[in-house]
Amino acid sequence: MKLYERMPELNGATVWLNGRYEKADLIGEKPTLIHFWSISCHLCKEAMPYMNNFRSRYKDRLNIIAVHMPRSEDDLDLQKIKKVAAENNIRHPIFVDGDLILNDAFDNQYVPAYYVFDKGGQLRHFQTEQSGMGMLKKRVERLMNEMRR
């Protein structure tokens, strides 16, 4: 995806865990952070405490959705996904993208990957890996400050 493109519809989930969102639920009130991860991705697991911190810190001001993107046949095992999600305290909604439909809609090639949309549903920030969590935090906070104006 390119900056300022509209958020795609959240279609094609194999299953949703911990709740479910439609695109319409995410537009209008607050920014949205969508992060792609995989159970076979070590960097994704290292980044989960950051995502959980975002969830706690911004609970009423930010929508957060995890998208599980399989990287191999083993990554399709729903019980393993549930287990790893529980081990990593992922309590926000998880879109299990077993057929890579949402992944293709985002034109995503990475895990971890982070997409930050403004309250109108436009992509305002994208990054990969967890090394720039400070930058991700700044972008999210900037969008929240824009909302206050």
Protein backbone atom coordinates (compact mmCIF):
# COMPACT_ATOMS: atom_id res chain seq x y z
CA MET A 1 0.00 0.00 0.00
CA LYS A 2 1.02 3.56 -0.59
CA LEU A 3 0.60 6.44 1.83
CA TYR A 4 -2.86 8.02 1.78
CA GLU A 5 -4.48 4.98 0.18
CA ARG A 6 -7.74 3.91 1.76
CA MET A 7 -7.92 0.98 4.14
CA PRO A 8 -9.06 -2.16 2.31
CA GLU A 9 -12.16 -4.03 3.40
CA LEU A 10 -11.40 -6.63 6.07
CA ASN A 11 -12.61 -9.57 3.99
CA GLY A 12 -11.45 -13.15 3.71
CA ALA A 13 -10.66 -14.14 7.27
CA THR A 14 -10.34 -17.86 7.84
CA VAL A 15 -11.55 -16.98 11.34
CA TRP A 16 -11.48 -14.03 13.74
CA LEU A 17 -10.16 -14.49 17.28
CA ASN A 18 -10.82 -12.15 20.23
CA GLY A 19 -13.56 -10.24 18.43
CA ARG A 20 -14.21 -9.00 14.93
CA TYR A 21 -14.15 -5.70 13.06
CA GLU A 22 -15.55 -4.54 9.78
CA LYS A 23 -13.91 -1.63 8.01
CA ALA A 24 -16.95 0.52 8.79
CA ASP A 25 -16.34 -0.09 12.52
CA LEU A 26 -12.87 1.45 12.21
CA ILE A 27 -13.67 4.61 10.28
CA GLY A 28 -14.70 7.90 11.81
CA GLU A 29 -13.74 7.98 15.47
CA LYS A 30 -10.11 7.02 16.05
CA PRO A 31 -6.95 5.87 14.25
CA THR A 32 -6.33 2.20 13.54
CA LEU A 33 -3.11 0.19 13.83
CA ILE A 34 -3.09 -3.06 11.85
CA HIS A 35 -0.09 -5.27 12.42
CA PHE A 36 0.82 -8.38 10.45
CA TRP A 37 2.52 -11.20 12.29
CA SER A 38 3.12 -14.94 12.04
CA ILE A 39 3.58 -17.69 14.60
CA SER A 40 6.83 -18.71 12.87
CA CYS A 41 8.29 -15.19 13.07
CA HIS A 42 10.70 -14.64 15.95
CA LEU A 43 10.74 -10.85 15.42
CA CYS A 44 6.94 -10.80 15.59
CA LYS A 45 7.01 -12.44 19.01
CA GLU A 46 9.65 -10.00 20.22
CA ALA A 47 7.44 -7.10 19.11
CA MET A 48 4.27 -8.32 20.83
CA PRO A 49 5.03 -6.61 24.16
CA TYR A 50 5.10 -3.32 22.22
CA MET A 51 1.71 -4.07 20.65
CA ASN A 52 0.28 -5.05 24.02
CA ASN A 53 1.64 -1.82 25.47
CA PHE A 54 -0.03 0.13 22.65
CA ARG A 55 -3.27 -1.69 23.39
CA SER A 56 -3.07 -0.79 27.09
CA ARG A 57 -1.80 2.74 26.66
CA TYR A 58 -4.22 3.78 23.91
CA LYS A 59 -7.16 1.47 24.69
CA ASP A 60 -9.88 4.07 24.18
CA ARG A 61 -8.13 6.10 21.50
CA LEU A 62 -6.78 3.54 19.03
CA ASN A 63 -8.18 0.50 17.23
CA ILE A 64 -5.67 -2.36 17.05
CA ILE A 65 -6.01 -5.43 14.86
CA ALA A 66 -3.53 -8.25 14.47
CA VAL A 67 -3.44 -10.07 11.13
CA HIS A 68 -1.92 -13.53 11.27
CA MET A 69 -0.15 -14.13 7.95
CA PRO A 70 1.02 -17.71 7.39
CA ARG A 71 4.53 -18.12 6.03
CA SER A 72 4.40 -21.91 5.77
CA GLU A 73 1.97 -24.81 5.99
CA ASP A 74 2.69 -25.11 9.74
CA ASP A 75 1.46 -21.55 10.23
CA LEU A 76 -2.05 -22.61 9.18
CA ASP A 77 -2.69 -24.66 12.33
CA LEU A 78 -5.42 -22.74 14.18
CA GLN A 79 -4.62 -24.38 17.52
CA LYS A 80 -0.99 -23.26 17.23
CA ILE A 81 -2.12 -19.73 16.36
CA LYS A 82 -4.38 -19.66 19.43
CA LYS A 83 -1.58 -21.03 21.62
CA VAL A 84 1.03 -18.52 20.44
CA ALA A 85 -1.51 -15.68 20.71
CA ALA A 86 -2.24 -16.68 24.32
CA GLU A 87 1.46 -17.07 25.16
CA ASN A 88 2.08 -13.56 23.82
CA ASN A 89 -0.95 -12.02 25.51
CA ILE A 90 -2.62 -10.95 22.27
CA ARG A 91 -6.08 -9.97 23.46
CA HIS A 92 -7.01 -7.61 20.65
CA PRO A 93 -8.86 -8.97 17.58
CA ILE A 94 -6.87 -11.30 15.33
CA PHE A 95 -7.78 -11.69 11.66
CA VAL A 96 -6.46 -15.12 10.67
CA ASP A 97 -5.54 -14.70 7.00
CA GLY A 98 -5.05 -18.35 6.04
CA ASP A 99 -5.70 -17.68 2.35
CA LEU A 100 -3.65 -14.44 2.29
CA ILE A 101 -6.65 -12.45 1.05
CA LEU A 102 -6.11 -9.45 3.33
CA ASN A 103 -2.37 -9.72 2.88
CA ASP A 104 -2.88 -9.37 -0.88
CA ALA A 105 -5.30 -6.44 -0.40
CA PHE A 106 -2.55 -4.66 1.56
CA ASP A 107 0.11 -5.81 -0.91
CA ASN A 108 2.04 -6.81 2.20
CA GLN A 109 5.26 -8.80 1.95
CA TYR A 110 6.59 -8.61 5.51
CA VAL A 111 6.12 -9.75 9.07
CA PRO A 112 6.14 -7.94 11.29
CA ALA A 113 4.54 -5.06 9.40
CA TYR A 114 2.64 -2.10 10.82
CA TYR A 115 0.01 0.00 9.06
CA VAL A 116 -1.37 3.10 10.77
CA PHE A 117 -4.58 4.61 9.39
CA ASP A 118 -6.11 7.93 10.40
CA LYS A 119 -9.69 8.09 11.61
CA GLY A 120 -10.83 8.59 8.01
CA GLY A 121 -9.20 5.32 6.94
CA GLN A 122 -6.22 6.72 5.03
CA LEU A 123 -2.83 5.08 5.43
CA ARG A 124 -0.58 7.54 7.22
CA HIS A 125 2.37 5.36 8.23
CA PHE A 126 3.89 2.01 7.30
CA GLN A 127 6.92 0.22 8.69
CA THR A 128 8.40 -3.22 9.03
CA GLU A 129 10.29 -4.93 11.84
CA GLN A 130 10.18 -3.75 15.41
CA SER A 131 13.30 -1.59 15.40
CA GLY A 132 11.32 1.61 14.87
CA MET A 133 8.78 1.31 17.67
CA GLY A 134 9.63 4.83 18.78
CA MET A 135 8.73 6.11 15.31
CA LEU A 136 5.52 4.07 15.31
CA LYS A 137 4.56 5.57 18.67
CA LYS A 138 5.24 9.09 17.36
CA ARG A 139 3.06 8.52 14.29
CA VAL A 140 0.19 7.14 16.35
CA GLU A 141 0.42 10.01 18.82
CA ARG A 142 0.53 12.54 15.99
CA LEU A 143 -2.73 11.14 14.61
CA MET A 144 -4.32 11.29 18.05
CA ASN A 145 -3.25 14.91 18.41
CA GLU A 146 -4.77 15.69 14.99
CA MET A 147 -8.07 14.32 16.29
CA ARG A 148 -8.08 16.82 19.16
CA ARG A 149 -7.87 19.81 16.84
